[in-house]
Amino acid sequence: MEALISRLNNIIIEADTRQGKPPCMNSRFMNSIRDIVKHKL
């Protein structure tokens, strides 16, 4: 499950880099995904 989150994070960072946005803009979004995943476990 941690690997899945890591891959999601990398995909989002990659997409942001292509658009020229700093990856940190999505950190709040990633934290909410992590929270959702933790609650599912």
PDB file of N, CA and C in Angstrom:
ATOM      1  N   MET A   1       0.830  -1.203   0.000  1.00  0.00           N
ATOM      2  CA  MET A   1       0.000   0.000   0.000  1.00  0.00           C
ATOM      3  C   MET A   1       0.868   1.258   0.000  1.00  0.00           C
ATOM      4  N   GLU A   2       1.941   1.240   0.737  1.00  0.00           N
ATOM      5  CA  GLU A   2       2.862   2.378   0.775  1.00  0.00           C
ATOM      6  C   GLU A   2       3.487   2.611  -0.599  1.00  0.00           C
ATOM      7  N   ALA A   3       3.756   1.510  -1.314  1.00  0.00           N
ATOM      8  CA  ALA A   3       4.328   1.623  -2.661  1.00  0.00           C
ATOM      9  C   ALA A   3       3.340   2.290  -3.614  1.00  0.00           C
ATOM     10  N   LEU A   4       2.063   1.971  -3.445  1.00  0.00           N
ATOM     11  CA  LEU A   4       1.026   2.575  -4.282  1.00  0.00           C
ATOM     12  C   LEU A   4       0.960   4.082  -4.054  1.00  0.00           C
ATOM     13  N   ILE A   5       1.010   4.494  -2.798  1.00  0.00           N
ATOM     14  CA  ILE A   5       0.989   5.922  -2.457  1.00  0.00           C
ATOM     15  C   ILE A   5       2.220   6.608  -3.040  1.00  0.00           C
ATOM     16  N   SER A   6       3.355   5.943  -2.924  1.00  0.00           N
ATOM     17  CA  SER A   6       4.599   6.494  -3.452  1.00  0.00           C
ATOM     18  C   SER A   6       4.512   6.700  -4.963  1.00  0.00           C
ATOM     19  N   ARG A   7       3.946   5.708  -5.658  1.00  0.00           N
ATOM     20  CA  ARG A   7       3.788   5.822  -7.110  1.00  0.00           C
ATOM     21  C   ARG A   7       2.842   6.954  -7.477  1.00  0.00           C
ATOM     22  N   LEU A   8       1.749   7.074  -6.733  1.00  0.00           N
ATOM     23  CA  LEU A   8       0.805   8.177  -6.957  1.00  0.00           C
ATOM     24  C   LEU A   8       1.505   9.521  -6.780  1.00  0.00           C
ATOM     25  N   ASN A   9       2.276   9.627  -5.727  1.00  0.00           N
ATOM     26  CA  ASN A   9       3.008  10.849  -5.429  1.00  0.00           C
ATOM     27  C   ASN A   9       3.955  11.197  -6.572  1.00  0.00           C
ATOM     28  N   ASN A  10       4.693  10.191  -7.064  1.00  0.00           N
ATOM     29  CA  ASN A  10       5.636  10.410  -8.158  1.00  0.00           C
ATOM     30  C   ASN A  10       4.931  10.851  -9.427  1.00  0.00           C
ATOM     31  N   ILE A  11       3.779  10.246  -9.710  1.00  0.00           N
ATOM     32  CA  ILE A  11       3.009  10.619 -10.903  1.00  0.00           C
ATOM     33  C   ILE A  11       2.565  12.077 -10.804  1.00  0.00           C
ATOM     34  N   ILE A  12       2.094  12.471  -9.631  1.00  0.00           N
ATOM     35  CA  ILE A  12       1.626  13.850  -9.435  1.00  0.00           C
ATOM     36  C   ILE A  12       2.786  14.833  -9.551  1.00  0.00           C
ATOM     37  N   ILE A  13       3.923  14.507  -8.942  1.00  0.00           N
ATOM     38  CA  ILE A  13       5.101  15.372  -9.022  1.00  0.00           C
ATOM     39  C   ILE A  13       5.554  15.498 -10.475  1.00  0.00           C
ATOM     40  N   GLU A  14       5.544  14.370 -11.191  1.00  0.00           N
ATOM     41  CA  GLU A  14       5.940  14.358 -12.596  1.00  0.00           C
ATOM     42  C   GLU A  14       5.030  15.262 -13.421  1.00  0.00           C
ATOM     43  N   ALA A  15       3.726  15.149 -13.188  1.00  0.00           N
ATOM     44  CA  ALA A  15       2.754  15.973 -13.913  1.00  0.00           C
ATOM     45  C   ALA A  15       2.962  17.451 -13.602  1.00  0.00           C
ATOM     46  N   ASP A  16       3.231  17.766 -12.347  1.00  0.00           N
ATOM     47  CA  ASP A  16       3.479  19.152 -11.946  1.00  0.00           C
ATOM     48  C   ASP A  16       4.745  19.690 -12.582  1.00  0.00           C
ATOM     49  N   THR A  17       5.775  18.854 -12.637  1.00  0.00           N
ATOM     50  CA  THR A  17       7.052  19.281 -13.202  1.00  0.00           C
ATOM     51  C   THR A  17       6.876  19.624 -14.678  1.00  0.00           C
ATOM     52  N   ARG A  18       6.088  18.823 -15.367  1.00  0.00           N
ATOM     53  CA  ARG A  18       5.823  19.079 -16.784  1.00  0.00           C
ATOM     54  C   ARG A  18       5.089  20.397 -16.981  1.00  0.00           C
ATOM     55  N   GLN A  19       4.234  20.741 -16.029  1.00  0.00           N
ATOM     56  CA  GLN A  19       3.476  21.989 -16.120  1.00  0.00           C
ATOM     57  C   GLN A  19       4.250  23.171 -15.522  1.00  0.00           C
ATOM     58  N   GLY A  20       5.417  22.878 -14.983  1.00  0.00           N
ATOM     59  CA  GLY A  20       6.240  23.934 -14.411  1.00  0.00           C
ATOM     60  C   GLY A  20       5.792  24.403 -13.039  1.00  0.00           C
ATOM     61  N   LYS A  21       4.993  23.592 -12.361  1.00  0.00           N
ATOM     62  CA  LYS A  21       4.549  23.945 -11.011  1.00  0.00           C
ATOM     63  C   LYS A  21       5.424  23.234  -9.986  1.00  0.00           C
ATOM     64  N   PRO A  22       5.674  23.874  -8.841  1.00  0.00           N
ATOM     65  CA  PRO A  22       6.422  23.190  -7.781  1.00  0.00           C
ATOM     66  C   PRO A  22       5.599  22.034  -7.207  1.00  0.00           C
ATOM     67  N   PRO A  23       6.225  20.876  -6.988  1.00  0.00           N
ATOM     68  CA  PRO A  23       5.517  19.697  -6.480  1.00  0.00           C
ATOM     69  C   PRO A  23       4.819  19.926  -5.144  1.00  0.00           C
ATOM     70  N   CYS A  24       5.330  20.854  -4.342  1.00  0.00           N
ATOM     71  CA  CYS A  24       4.775  21.072  -3.002  1.00  0.00           C
ATOM     72  C   CYS A  24       3.326  21.544  -3.052  1.00  0.00           C
ATOM     73  N   MET A  25       2.888  22.048  -4.198  1.00  0.00           N
ATOM     74  CA  MET A  25       1.508  22.511  -4.323  1.00  0.00           C
ATOM     75  C   MET A  25       0.511  21.380  -4.106  1.00  0.00           C
ATOM     76  N   ASN A  26       0.958  20.152  -4.337  1.00  0.00           N
ATOM     77  CA  ASN A  26       0.059  19.013  -4.202  1.00  0.00           C
ATOM     78  C   ASN A  26       0.239  18.263  -2.887  1.00  0.00           C
ATOM     79  N   SER A  27       1.067  18.786  -1.985  1.00  0.00           N
ATOM     80  CA  SER A  27       1.350  18.048  -0.752  1.00  0.00           C
ATOM     81  C   SER A  27       0.094  17.874   0.101  1.00  0.00           C
ATOM     82  N   ARG A  28      -0.765  18.873   0.125  1.00  0.00           N
ATOM     83  CA  ARG A  28      -2.000  18.768   0.910  1.00  0.00           C
ATOM     84  C   ARG A  28      -2.901  17.693   0.324  1.00  0.00           C
ATOM     85  N   PHE A  29      -2.969  17.658  -1.002  1.00  0.00           N
ATOM     86  CA  PHE A  29      -3.746  16.636  -1.700  1.00  0.00           C
ATOM     87  C   PHE A  29      -3.209  15.245  -1.379  1.00  0.00           C
ATOM     88  N   MET A  30      -1.894  15.082  -1.419  1.00  0.00           N
ATOM     89  CA  MET A  30      -1.284  13.780  -1.131  1.00  0.00           C
ATOM     90  C   MET A  30      -1.525  13.379   0.321  1.00  0.00           C
ATOM     91  N   ASN A  31      -1.466  14.334   1.229  1.00  0.00           N
ATOM     92  CA  ASN A  31      -1.728  14.031   2.641  1.00  0.00           C
ATOM     93  C   ASN A  31      -3.147  13.529   2.833  1.00  0.00           C
ATOM     94  N   SER A  32      -4.097  14.104   2.115  1.00  0.00           N
ATOM     95  CA  SER A  32      -5.477  13.634   2.253  1.00  0.00           C
ATOM     96  C   SER A  32      -5.622  12.224   1.694  1.00  0.00           C
ATOM     97  N   ILE A  33      -4.908  11.922   0.608  1.00  0.00           N
ATOM     98  CA  ILE A  33      -4.923  10.554   0.066  1.00  0.00           C
ATOM     99  C   ILE A  33      -4.338   9.589   1.097  1.00  0.00           C
ATOM    100  N   ARG A  34      -3.220   9.968   1.708  1.00  0.00           N
ATOM    101  CA  ARG A  34      -2.588   9.120   2.733  1.00  0.00           C
ATOM    102  C   ARG A  34      -3.553   8.863   3.885  1.00  0.00           C
ATOM    103  N   ASP A  35      -4.240   9.906   4.318  1.00  0.00           N
ATOM    104  CA  ASP A  35      -5.220   9.759   5.406  1.00  0.00           C
ATOM    105  C   ASP A  35      -6.321   8.785   5.021  1.00  0.00           C
ATOM    106  N   ILE A  36      -6.841   8.931   3.796  1.00  0.00           N
ATOM    107  CA  ILE A  36      -7.906   8.034   3.322  1.00  0.00           C
ATOM    108  C   ILE A  36      -7.412   6.592   3.328  1.00  0.00           C
ATOM    109  N   VAL A  37      -6.204   6.379   2.810  1.00  0.00           N
ATOM    110  CA  VAL A  37      -5.644   5.025   2.732  1.00  0.00           C
ATOM    111  C   VAL A  37      -5.456   4.442   4.132  1.00  0.00           C
ATOM    112  N   LYS A  38      -4.943   5.253   5.051  1.00  0.00           N
ATOM    113  CA  LYS A  38      -4.734   4.781   6.429  1.00  0.00           C
ATOM    114  C   LYS A  38      -6.045   4.367   7.075  1.00  0.00           C
ATOM    115  N   HIS A  39      -7.095   5.138   6.840  1.00  0.00           N
ATOM    116  CA  HIS A  39      -8.397   4.811   7.433  1.00  0.00           C
ATOM    117  C   HIS A  39      -8.980   3.542   6.825  1.00  0.00           C
ATOM    118  N   LYS A  40      -8.675   3.280   5.557  1.00  0.00           N
ATOM    119  CA  LYS A  40      -9.164   2.056   4.904  1.00  0.00           C
ATOM    120  C   LYS A  40      -8.475   0.822   5.491  1.00  0.00           C
ATOM    121  N   LEU A  41      -7.213   0.987   5.906  1.00  0.00           N
ATOM    122  CA  LEU A  41      -6.486  -0.116   6.526  1.00  0.00           C
ATOM    123  C   LEU A  41      -6.927  -0.199   7.983  1.00  0.00           C
TER     124      LEU A  41
END
